[in-house]
């Protein structure tokens, strides 16, 4: 009580948590408060447990995405990239510094044209098809022929929130 500091949290032997705060008054006395913060601490511990669990799942999800033989990308309803895996970047020769979450589908197509994967006309046609509401509402599979002669099978799947998820596989040998 001689030198009040920051508030401290103490767990009692019965499991309850108490917040102890002491402040010196202008006349030299000390005012102390004790607050039961058990519910808050239990919520914090539960949130920490859930956070750790989600982190573990994200690590597994990232490992699965990184080791797929297909390329994968996911776009939100505004056609902004949400998720992309390494194989997708490899198939099209994309840089991870350019093709990353947040890039628009149009920006991605323009980048692909600049790398020589498509002509500008092919990119515009693909964008028009992609914006067709009927195509956005059902699963579609197409074969893309890149300018270097490779053939890529693309399967687009609509998501409930209006976005799409697509997988890409080089089927040139087939």
C-alpha atoms as a PDB file:
ATOM      1  CA  UNK A   1       0.000   0.000   0.000  1.00  0.00           C
ATOM      2  CA  UNK A   2       2.979   2.360   0.254  1.00  0.00           C
ATOM      3  CA  UNK A   3       3.627   2.570  -3.482  1.00  0.00           C
ATOM      4  CA  UNK A   4       0.485   1.925  -5.595  1.00  0.00           C
ATOM      5  CA  UNK A   5       1.233   0.782  -9.151  1.00  0.00           C
ATOM      6  CA  UNK A   6      -0.754  -0.381 -12.163  1.00  0.00           C
ATOM      7  CA  UNK A   7      -3.736  -2.616 -11.532  1.00  0.00           C
ATOM      8  CA  UNK A   8      -2.898  -6.309 -11.223  1.00  0.00           C
ATOM      9  CA  UNK A   9      -4.890  -9.461 -11.876  1.00  0.00           C
ATOM     10  CA  UNK A  10      -4.793 -12.221  -9.300  1.00  0.00           C
ATOM     11  CA  UNK A  11      -6.295 -15.696  -9.486  1.00  0.00           C
ATOM     12  CA  UNK A  12      -7.655 -16.919  -6.172  1.00  0.00           C
ATOM     13  CA  UNK A  13      -7.399 -20.525  -4.994  1.00  0.00           C
ATOM     14  CA  UNK A  14     -11.090 -21.059  -5.776  1.00  0.00           C
ATOM     15  CA  UNK A  15     -10.444 -20.162  -9.436  1.00  0.00           C
ATOM     16  CA  UNK A  16     -11.927 -16.662  -9.399  1.00  0.00           C
ATOM     17  CA  UNK A  17      -9.984 -13.753 -10.887  1.00  0.00           C
ATOM     18  CA  UNK A  18      -9.772 -10.412  -9.076  1.00  0.00           C
ATOM     19  CA  UNK A  19      -8.539  -7.092 -10.472  1.00  0.00           C
ATOM     20  CA  UNK A  20      -6.769  -5.105  -7.752  1.00  0.00           C
ATOM     21  CA  UNK A  21      -6.293  -1.383  -8.290  1.00  0.00           C
ATOM     22  CA  UNK A  22      -4.882   1.076  -5.769  1.00  0.00           C
ATOM     23  CA  UNK A  23      -4.540   4.824  -6.252  1.00  0.00           C
ATOM     24  CA  UNK A  24      -3.059   7.453  -3.966  1.00  0.00           C
ATOM     25  CA  UNK A  25      -5.369  10.367  -3.202  1.00  0.00           C
ATOM     26  CA  UNK A  26      -4.293  14.036  -3.032  1.00  0.00           C
ATOM     27  CA  UNK A  27      -4.262  13.914   0.788  1.00  0.00           C
ATOM     28  CA  UNK A  28      -1.866  10.928   0.856  1.00  0.00           C
ATOM     29  CA  UNK A  29      -4.386   8.184   1.506  1.00  0.00           C
ATOM     30  CA  UNK A  30      -4.934   5.195  -0.746  1.00  0.00           C
ATOM     31  CA  UNK A  31      -8.151   4.062  -2.378  1.00  0.00           C
ATOM     32  CA  UNK A  32      -8.220   0.412  -3.321  1.00  0.00           C
ATOM     33  CA  UNK A  33     -10.745  -1.423  -5.455  1.00  0.00           C
ATOM     34  CA  UNK A  34     -11.234  -5.112  -5.961  1.00  0.00           C
ATOM     35  CA  UNK A  35     -13.292  -6.266  -8.963  1.00  0.00           C
ATOM     36  CA  UNK A  36     -14.310  -9.802  -9.825  1.00  0.00           C
ATOM     37  CA  UNK A  37     -13.190 -10.260 -13.445  1.00  0.00           C
ATOM     38  CA  UNK A  38     -13.704 -14.024 -13.605  1.00  0.00           C
ATOM     39  CA  UNK A  39     -16.204 -13.894 -16.496  1.00  0.00           C
ATOM     40  CA  UNK A  40     -13.944 -11.598 -18.509  1.00  0.00           C
ATOM     41  CA  UNK A  41     -10.909 -13.853 -17.931  1.00  0.00           C
ATOM     42  CA  UNK A  42     -12.894 -16.958 -18.922  1.00  0.00           C
ATOM     43  CA  UNK A  43     -13.971 -15.236 -22.160  1.00  0.00           C
ATOM     44  CA  UNK A  44     -10.361 -14.174 -22.826  1.00  0.00           C
ATOM     45  CA  UNK A  45      -9.117 -17.728 -22.306  1.00  0.00           C
ATOM     46  CA  UNK A  46     -11.833 -19.105 -24.593  1.00  0.00           C
ATOM     47  CA  UNK A  47     -10.961 -16.550 -27.277  1.00  0.00           C
ATOM     48  CA  UNK A  48      -7.279 -17.496 -26.976  1.00  0.00           C
ATOM     49  CA  UNK A  49      -8.144 -21.190 -27.303  1.00  0.00           C
ATOM     50  CA  UNK A  50     -10.279 -20.521 -30.396  1.00  0.00           C
ATOM     51  CA  UNK A  51      -7.572 -18.296 -31.886  1.00  0.00           C
ATOM     52  CA  UNK A  52      -4.951 -21.013 -31.426  1.00  0.00           C
ATOM     53  CA  UNK A  53      -7.302 -23.589 -32.926  1.00  0.00           C
ATOM     54  CA  UNK A  54      -7.970 -21.360 -35.957  1.00  0.00           C
ATOM     55  CA  UNK A  55      -4.260 -20.716 -36.398  1.00  0.00           C
ATOM     56  CA  UNK A  56      -3.638 -24.476 -36.487  1.00  0.00           C
ATOM     57  CA  UNK A  57      -6.373 -24.948 -39.078  1.00  0.00           C
ATOM     58  CA  UNK A  58      -4.984 -22.096 -41.188  1.00  0.00           C
ATOM     59  CA  UNK A  59      -1.549 -23.721 -41.156  1.00  0.00           C
ATOM     60  CA  UNK A  60      -3.108 -26.970 -42.415  1.00  0.00           C
ATOM     61  CA  UNK A  61      -5.151 -25.091 -45.022  1.00  0.00           C
ATOM     62  CA  UNK A  62      -2.046 -23.256 -46.278  1.00  0.00           C
ATOM     63  CA  UNK A  63      -0.109 -26.538 -46.487  1.00  0.00           C
ATOM     64  CA  UNK A  64      -2.910 -28.162 -48.484  1.00  0.00           C
ATOM     65  CA  UNK A  65      -3.126 -25.208 -50.885  1.00  0.00           C
ATOM     66  CA  UNK A  66       0.630 -25.116 -51.376  1.00  0.00           C
ATOM     67  CA  UNK A  67       0.834 -28.801 -52.240  1.00  0.00           C
ATOM     68  CA  UNK A  68      -2.068 -29.113 -54.675  1.00  0.00           C
ATOM     69  CA  UNK A  69      -1.258 -30.201 -58.214  1.00  0.00           C
ATOM     70  CA  UNK A  70      -3.967 -27.852 -59.478  1.00  0.00           C
ATOM     71  CA  UNK A  71      -3.812 -24.105 -59.433  1.00  0.00           C
ATOM     72  CA  UNK A  72      -6.489 -22.509 -57.292  1.00  0.00           C
ATOM     73  CA  UNK A  73      -7.826 -19.007 -56.892  1.00  0.00           C
ATOM     74  CA  UNK A  74     -10.888 -17.550 -55.224  1.00  0.00           C
ATOM     75  CA  UNK A  75     -12.597 -14.260 -56.030  1.00  0.00           C
ATOM     76  CA  UNK A  76     -15.163 -12.372 -53.968  1.00  0.00           C
ATOM     77  CA  UNK A  77     -18.445 -11.075 -55.428  1.00  0.00           C
ATOM     78  CA  UNK A  78     -16.662  -7.902 -56.608  1.00  0.00           C
ATOM     79  CA  UNK A  79     -14.118 -10.048 -58.483  1.00  0.00           C
ATOM     80  CA  UNK A  80     -11.244  -9.204 -56.167  1.00  0.00           C
ATOM     81  CA  UNK A  81      -8.780 -12.011 -55.478  1.00  0.00           C
ATOM     82  CA  UNK A  82      -9.123 -13.528 -51.996  1.00  0.00           C
ATOM     83  CA  UNK A  83      -6.948 -16.664 -52.132  1.00  0.00           C
ATOM     84  CA  UNK A  84      -4.350 -17.935 -54.589  1.00  0.00           C
ATOM     85  CA  UNK A  85      -1.967 -20.872 -54.415  1.00  0.00           C
ATOM     86  CA  UNK A  86       1.573 -21.327 -55.661  1.00  0.00           C
ATOM     87  CA  UNK A  87       0.625 -23.722 -58.461  1.00  0.00           C
ATOM     88  CA  UNK A  88      -1.740 -21.146 -60.028  1.00  0.00           C
ATOM     89  CA  UNK A  89       1.121 -18.645 -60.139  1.00  0.00           C
ATOM     90  CA  UNK A  90       3.396 -21.264 -61.737  1.00  0.00           C
ATOM     91  CA  UNK A  91       0.894 -22.227 -64.453  1.00  0.00           C
ATOM     92  CA  UNK A  92       0.582 -18.652 -65.702  1.00  0.00           C
ATOM     93  CA  UNK A  93       4.090 -17.439 -64.833  1.00  0.00           C
ATOM     94  CA  UNK A  94       2.725 -14.857 -62.392  1.00  0.00           C
ATOM     95  CA  UNK A  95       4.757 -13.049 -59.751  1.00  0.00           C
ATOM     96  CA  UNK A  96       3.454 -13.390 -56.195  1.00  0.00           C
ATOM     97  CA  UNK A  97       4.291  -9.700 -55.749  1.00  0.00           C
ATOM     98  CA  UNK A  98       1.688  -8.783 -58.388  1.00  0.00           C
ATOM     99  CA  UNK A  99      -0.946 -11.512 -58.114  1.00  0.00           C
ATOM    100  CA  UNK A 100      -1.961 -11.337 -54.484  1.00  0.00           C
ATOM    101  CA  UNK A 101      -5.184 -10.867 -52.546  1.00  0.00           C
ATOM    102  CA  UNK A 102      -6.892  -7.616 -53.478  1.00  0.00           C
ATOM    103  CA  UNK A 103      -6.004  -7.549 -57.193  1.00  0.00           C
ATOM    104  CA  UNK A 104      -9.058  -7.306 -59.426  1.00  0.00           C
ATOM    105  CA  UNK A 105      -9.828  -9.895 -62.060  1.00  0.00           C
ATOM    106  CA  UNK A 106      -9.384  -7.184 -64.695  1.00  0.00           C
ATOM    107  CA  UNK A 107      -5.965  -6.273 -63.251  1.00  0.00           C
ATOM    108  CA  UNK A 108      -4.977  -9.916 -63.242  1.00  0.00           C
ATOM    109  CA  UNK A 109      -6.046 -10.342 -66.879  1.00  0.00           C
ATOM    110  CA  UNK A 110      -4.145  -7.211 -67.927  1.00  0.00           C
ATOM    111  CA  UNK A 111      -1.045  -8.574 -66.184  1.00  0.00           C
ATOM    112  CA  UNK A 112      -1.520 -11.913 -67.938  1.00  0.00           C
ATOM    113  CA  UNK A 113      -1.747 -10.128 -71.311  1.00  0.00           C
ATOM    114  CA  UNK A 114       1.491  -8.257 -70.504  1.00  0.00           C
ATOM    115  CA  UNK A 115       3.216 -11.612 -69.932  1.00  0.00           C
ATOM    116  CA  UNK A 116       2.005 -12.925 -73.287  1.00  0.00           C
ATOM    117  CA  UNK A 117      -0.440 -15.551 -71.998  1.00  0.00           C
ATOM    118  CA  UNK A 118      -3.313 -14.012 -73.998  1.00  0.00           C
ATOM    119  CA  UNK A 119      -3.998 -11.393 -76.579  1.00  0.00           C
ATOM    120  CA  UNK A 120      -5.964  -8.334 -75.446  1.00  0.00           C
ATOM    121  CA  UNK A 121      -8.967  -9.618 -77.427  1.00  0.00           C
ATOM    122  CA  UNK A 122      -8.859 -13.006 -75.687  1.00  0.00           C
ATOM    123  CA  UNK A 123      -8.675 -11.290 -72.303  1.00  0.00           C
ATOM    124  CA  UNK A 124     -11.670  -9.059 -73.075  1.00  0.00           C
ATOM    125  CA  UNK A 125     -13.674 -12.071 -74.252  1.00  0.00           C
ATOM    126  CA  UNK A 126     -12.780 -13.990 -71.067  1.00  0.00           C
ATOM    127  CA  UNK A 127     -13.791 -11.013 -68.895  1.00  0.00           C
ATOM    128  CA  UNK A 128     -17.121 -10.679 -70.729  1.00  0.00           C
ATOM    129  CA  UNK A 129     -17.823 -14.388 -70.253  1.00  0.00           C
ATOM    130  CA  UNK A 130     -16.825 -14.153 -66.616  1.00  0.00           C
ATOM    131  CA  UNK A 131     -19.319 -11.306 -66.056  1.00  0.00           C
ATOM    132  CA  UNK A 132     -22.204 -13.288 -67.581  1.00  0.00           C
ATOM    133  CA  UNK A 133     -24.701 -13.752 -64.688  1.00  0.00           C
ATOM    134  CA  UNK A 134     -25.724 -17.181 -65.986  1.00  0.00           C
ATOM    135  CA  UNK A 135     -22.122 -18.405 -65.947  1.00  0.00           C
ATOM    136  CA  UNK A 136     -21.576 -16.974 -62.466  1.00  0.00           C
ATOM    137  CA  UNK A 137     -24.502 -18.969 -61.063  1.00  0.00           C
ATOM    138  CA  UNK A 138     -23.423 -22.466 -62.119  1.00  0.00           C
ATOM    139  CA  UNK A 139     -20.350 -24.656 -62.344  1.00  0.00           C
ATOM    140  CA  UNK A 140     -18.532 -24.258 -65.631  1.00  0.00           C
ATOM    141  CA  UNK A 141     -15.539 -26.001 -67.122  1.00  0.00           C
ATOM    142  CA  UNK A 142     -13.588 -24.518 -70.004  1.00  0.00           C
ATOM    143  CA  UNK A 143     -10.338 -25.216 -71.785  1.00  0.00           C
ATOM    144  CA  UNK A 144      -8.017 -22.261 -72.264  1.00  0.00           C
ATOM    145  CA  UNK A 145      -5.358 -22.310 -74.940  1.00  0.00           C
ATOM    146  CA  UNK A 146      -2.440 -20.090 -73.983  1.00  0.00           C
ATOM    147  CA  UNK A 147      -0.310 -18.358 -76.605  1.00  0.00           C
ATOM    148  CA  UNK A 148       2.593 -20.708 -75.858  1.00  0.00           C
ATOM    149  CA  UNK A 149       0.396 -23.676 -76.900  1.00  0.00           C
ATOM    150  CA  UNK A 150      -0.408 -25.029 -73.452  1.00  0.00           C
ATOM    151  CA  UNK A 151      -3.987 -26.033 -72.689  1.00  0.00           C
ATOM    152  CA  UNK A 152      -5.386 -25.303 -69.228  1.00  0.00           C
ATOM    153  CA  UNK A 153      -8.614 -26.860 -67.919  1.00  0.00           C
ATOM    154  CA  UNK A 154     -10.448 -24.333 -65.737  1.00  0.00           C
ATOM    155  CA  UNK A 155     -13.341 -25.278 -63.488  1.00  0.00           C
ATOM    156  CA  UNK A 156     -15.267 -22.358 -61.964  1.00  0.00           C
ATOM    157  CA  UNK A 157     -17.591 -22.998 -59.044  1.00  0.00           C
ATOM    158  CA  UNK A 158     -19.943 -20.315 -57.690  1.00  0.00           C
ATOM    159  CA  UNK A 159     -19.880 -19.634 -53.954  1.00  0.00           C
ATOM    160  CA  UNK A 160     -22.976 -18.788 -51.910  1.00  0.00           C
ATOM    161  CA  UNK A 161     -21.768 -15.216 -51.250  1.00  0.00           C
ATOM    162  CA  UNK A 162     -21.536 -14.409 -54.975  1.00  0.00           C
ATOM    163  CA  UNK A 163     -17.838 -15.073 -55.357  1.00  0.00           C
ATOM    164  CA  UNK A 164     -16.221 -17.874 -57.317  1.00  0.00           C
ATOM    165  CA  UNK A 165     -13.544 -20.466 -56.747  1.00  0.00           C
ATOM    166  CA  UNK A 166     -11.625 -21.923 -59.663  1.00  0.00           C
ATOM    167  CA  UNK A 167      -9.131 -24.707 -60.176  1.00  0.00           C
ATOM    168  CA  UNK A 168      -6.633 -24.821 -63.041  1.00  0.00           C
ATOM    169  CA  UNK A 169      -4.822 -27.810 -64.451  1.00  0.00           C
ATOM    170  CA  UNK A 170      -2.362 -27.991 -67.315  1.00  0.00           C
ATOM    171  CA  UNK A 171      -3.791 -30.710 -69.591  1.00  0.00           C
ATOM    172  CA  UNK A 172      -1.524 -30.092 -72.580  1.00  0.00           C
ATOM    173  CA  UNK A 173      -0.128 -33.640 -72.480  1.00  0.00           C
ATOM    174  CA  UNK A 174      -3.622 -35.147 -72.429  1.00  0.00           C
END
